[in-house]
N, C-alpha and C. Protein backbone atom coordinates (compact mmCIF):
# COMPACT_ATOMS: atom_id res chain seq x y z
N MET A 1 5.02 -9.89 -7.66
CA MET A 1 4.44 -9.16 -6.17
C MET A 1 4.05 -10.54 -5.33
N PRO A 2 4.13 -10.06 -3.67
CA PRO A 2 4.08 -11.22 -3.04
C PRO A 2 2.79 -10.49 -2.90
N GLN A 3 1.96 -11.61 -2.41
CA GLN A 3 0.63 -11.35 -1.64
C GLN A 3 0.28 -12.04 -0.38
N LEU A 4 -0.20 -11.17 0.23
CA LEU A 4 -1.16 -11.89 1.62
C LEU A 4 -1.58 -13.16 1.82
N PRO A 5 -1.43 -14.27 2.96
CA PRO A 5 -2.03 -15.14 2.68
C PRO A 5 -4.18 -15.01 2.42
N ALA A 6 -4.59 -13.88 3.50
CA ALA A 6 -5.68 -13.51 3.58
C ALA A 6 -5.92 -12.69 2.68
N LEU A 7 -5.32 -11.65 1.71
CA LEU A 7 -5.87 -11.85 0.23
C LEU A 7 -6.09 -12.51 -0.33
N GLN A 8 -5.56 -14.11 -0.28
CA GLN A 8 -5.71 -14.93 -1.51
C GLN A 8 -7.21 -15.66 -1.12
N MET A 9 -6.86 -15.72 0.02
CA MET A 9 -8.24 -16.55 0.46
C MET A 9 -9.70 -15.26 0.10
N ARG A 10 -9.79 -14.56 0.52
CA ARG A 10 -10.87 -13.43 0.54
C ARG A 10 -10.97 -13.03 -0.83
N ARG A 11 -9.90 -13.01 -2.10
CA ARG A 11 -9.89 -12.30 -3.21
C ARG A 11 -11.13 -12.34 -3.93
N ARG A 12 -11.80 -13.82 -3.73
CA ARG A 12 -13.10 -13.86 -4.50
C ARG A 12 -14.39 -13.42 -3.89
N GLU A 13 -14.39 -12.85 -2.54
CA GLU A 13 -15.29 -11.85 -2.16
C GLU A 13 -15.55 -10.82 -3.05
N THR A 14 -16.68 -9.83 -2.98
CA THR A 14 -16.64 -8.76 -3.42
C THR A 14 -15.53 -8.10 -3.53
N PRO A 15 -14.90 -7.31 -4.51
CA PRO A 15 -13.26 -6.72 -4.02
C PRO A 15 -13.57 -5.23 -3.62
N ILE A 16 -14.70 -4.53 -3.86
CA ILE A 16 -15.03 -3.51 -3.15
C ILE A 16 -15.07 -3.60 -1.63
N ARG A 17 -15.57 -4.53 -0.91
CA ARG A 17 -15.54 -4.78 0.20
C ARG A 17 -13.80 -5.14 0.48
N LEU A 18 -13.57 -5.63 -0.04
CA LEU A 18 -12.39 -6.13 0.69
C LEU A 18 -11.44 -4.99 0.67
N ARG A 19 -11.94 -3.91 -0.22
CA ARG A 19 -10.72 -3.07 -0.85
C ARG A 19 -10.57 -1.83 0.71
N VAL A 20 -12.12 -1.54 0.65
CA VAL A 20 -12.41 -0.72 1.92
C VAL A 20 -11.75 -2.00 3.57
N HIS A 21 -12.28 -3.02 3.65
CA HIS A 21 -11.80 -3.24 5.20
C HIS A 21 -10.20 -3.45 4.56
N ILE A 22 -9.33 -3.28 3.87
CA ILE A 22 -7.82 -3.26 4.16
C ILE A 22 -7.42 -1.90 4.36
N ALA A 23 -8.17 -1.03 3.31
CA ALA A 23 -7.59 0.78 3.80
C ALA A 23 -8.09 1.14 5.22
N ASP A 24 -9.24 0.45 5.76
CA ASP A 24 -9.80 0.78 7.13
C ASP A 24 -8.57 0.30 8.33
N ILE A 25 -8.08 -0.62 7.87
CA ILE A 25 -7.17 -0.90 8.70
C ILE A 25 -5.92 -0.66 8.18
N THR A 26 -5.07 -0.40 7.16
CA THR A 26 -3.90 0.68 7.26
C THR A 26 -3.97 1.92 7.66
N VAL A 27 -5.63 2.49 7.52
CA VAL A 27 -5.75 3.59 7.52
C VAL A 27 -5.46 3.38 9.75
N ASN A 28 -6.20 2.98 9.91
CA ASN A 28 -6.42 2.84 11.62
C ASN A 28 -4.90 2.77 12.19
N TYR A 29 -3.77 1.68 11.38
CA TYR A 29 -2.81 1.19 11.63
C TYR A 29 -1.76 2.22 12.05
N LEU A 30 -1.86 3.31 10.45
CA LEU A 30 -1.03 4.33 10.36
C LEU A 30 -1.22 5.48 11.29
N LYS A 31 -2.70 5.29 11.90
CA LYS A 31 -2.23 7.15 12.77
C LYS A 31 -1.95 6.68 14.14
N TYR A 32 -2.11 5.08 14.30
CA TYR A 32 -0.95 5.13 15.23
C TYR A 32 0.63 4.88 15.58
N THR A 33 1.08 4.95 14.58
CA THR A 33 2.31 4.80 14.43
C THR A 33 3.56 5.45 13.07
N ALA A 34 2.59 6.64 12.88
CA ALA A 34 3.62 6.86 11.57
C ALA A 34 2.89 8.61 11.60
N PRO A 35 3.73 9.59 11.59
CA PRO A 35 3.54 11.06 11.30
C PRO A 35 2.73 11.26 9.88
N MET A 36 1.73 12.56 10.57
CA MET A 36 1.21 13.02 9.46
C MET A 36 1.51 12.84 7.68
N GLU A 37 2.75 13.82 8.10
CA GLU A 37 3.73 13.87 6.30
C GLU A 37 4.04 12.34 5.77
N ASN A 38 4.36 11.14 6.52
CA ASN A 38 4.24 9.98 6.11
C ASN A 38 2.97 9.21 5.54
N VAL A 39 2.03 9.64 6.64
CA VAL A 39 0.70 8.93 5.96
C VAL A 39 -0.02 9.61 4.75
N LYS A 40 0.48 10.87 4.71
CA LYS A 40 -0.44 11.17 2.96
C LYS A 40 0.99 10.35 2.07
N SER A 41 1.94 10.37 2.14
CA SER A 41 2.66 9.95 0.78
C SER A 41 2.61 8.72 0.81
N PHE A 42 1.69 7.74 2.30
CA PHE A 42 1.72 6.52 2.35
C PHE A 42 0.24 6.12 1.34
N SER A 43 -0.34 6.55 1.53
CA SER A 43 -1.54 6.85 1.79
C SER A 43 -1.72 6.82 -0.38
N LYS A 44 -1.12 7.71 -1.15
CA LYS A 44 -0.87 7.73 -2.29
C LYS A 44 -0.23 6.11 -3.26
N LYS A 45 1.28 5.67 -2.16
CA LYS A 45 1.41 4.58 -3.09
C LYS A 45 -0.05 3.47 -2.75
N PHE A 46 -0.38 3.69 -1.27
CA PHE A 46 -1.40 2.54 -0.86
C PHE A 46 -2.78 2.14 -1.91
N TYR A 47 -3.32 2.96 -2.48
CA TYR A 47 -3.91 3.05 -3.35
C TYR A 47 -3.78 3.35 -5.06
N GLU A 48 -2.32 4.17 -5.21
CA GLU A 48 -1.84 2.85 -6.73
C GLU A 48 -1.81 1.74 -6.66
N MET A 49 -1.48 1.51 -5.73
CA MET A 49 -1.03 -0.15 -5.83
C MET A 49 -2.27 -1.77 -5.12
N LEU A 50 -3.66 -0.92 -4.67
CA LEU A 50 -4.71 -1.41 -4.20
C LEU A 50 -5.11 -2.66 -5.95
N PRO A 51 -5.43 -1.75 -7.00
CA PRO A 51 -6.02 -2.89 -7.68
C PRO A 51 -4.89 -3.67 -8.34
N LEU A 52 -3.26 -3.26 -7.71
CA LEU A 52 -2.58 -4.62 -8.08
C LEU A 52 -2.45 -5.90 -6.94
N PHE A 53 -3.27 -5.11 -5.84
CA PHE A 53 -3.82 -6.96 -5.16
C PHE A 53 -4.97 -6.98 -5.49
N CYS A 54 -5.66 -6.66 -5.75
CA CYS A 54 -7.41 -6.73 -6.15
C CYS A 54 -7.65 -7.95 -6.97
N CYS A 55 -6.88 -7.08 -8.21
CA CYS A 55 -7.18 -7.59 -9.32
C CYS A 55 -5.87 -8.96 -9.97
N SER A 56 -4.97 -9.06 -9.54
CA SER A 56 -3.51 -9.68 -10.08
C SER A 56 -5.09 -11.14 -9.40
N GLY A 57 -4.33 -11.95 -10.09
CA GLY A 57 -4.97 -13.58 -10.76
C GLY A 57 -6.67 -13.49 -10.38
N SER A 58 -7.70 -12.20 -11.10
CA SER A 58 -8.87 -12.61 -10.58
C SER A 58 -8.63 -12.67 -12.63
N ALA A 59 -8.45 -12.71 -13.43
CA ALA A 59 -8.40 -12.45 -14.88
C ALA A 59 -8.97 -14.08 -15.17
């Protein structure tokens, strides 16, 4: 799975803080760009994918 450069640079910071930061940006972005039914389905997928972003390469 491709990783964003920002995630690679900041991955060694506290994962919880980074996760919350990514979620905040994503939710704020979706509020302005997607209807509510799409936000719900995307949020489910997004939170399923978060552990992959945060844990890959940290072992």
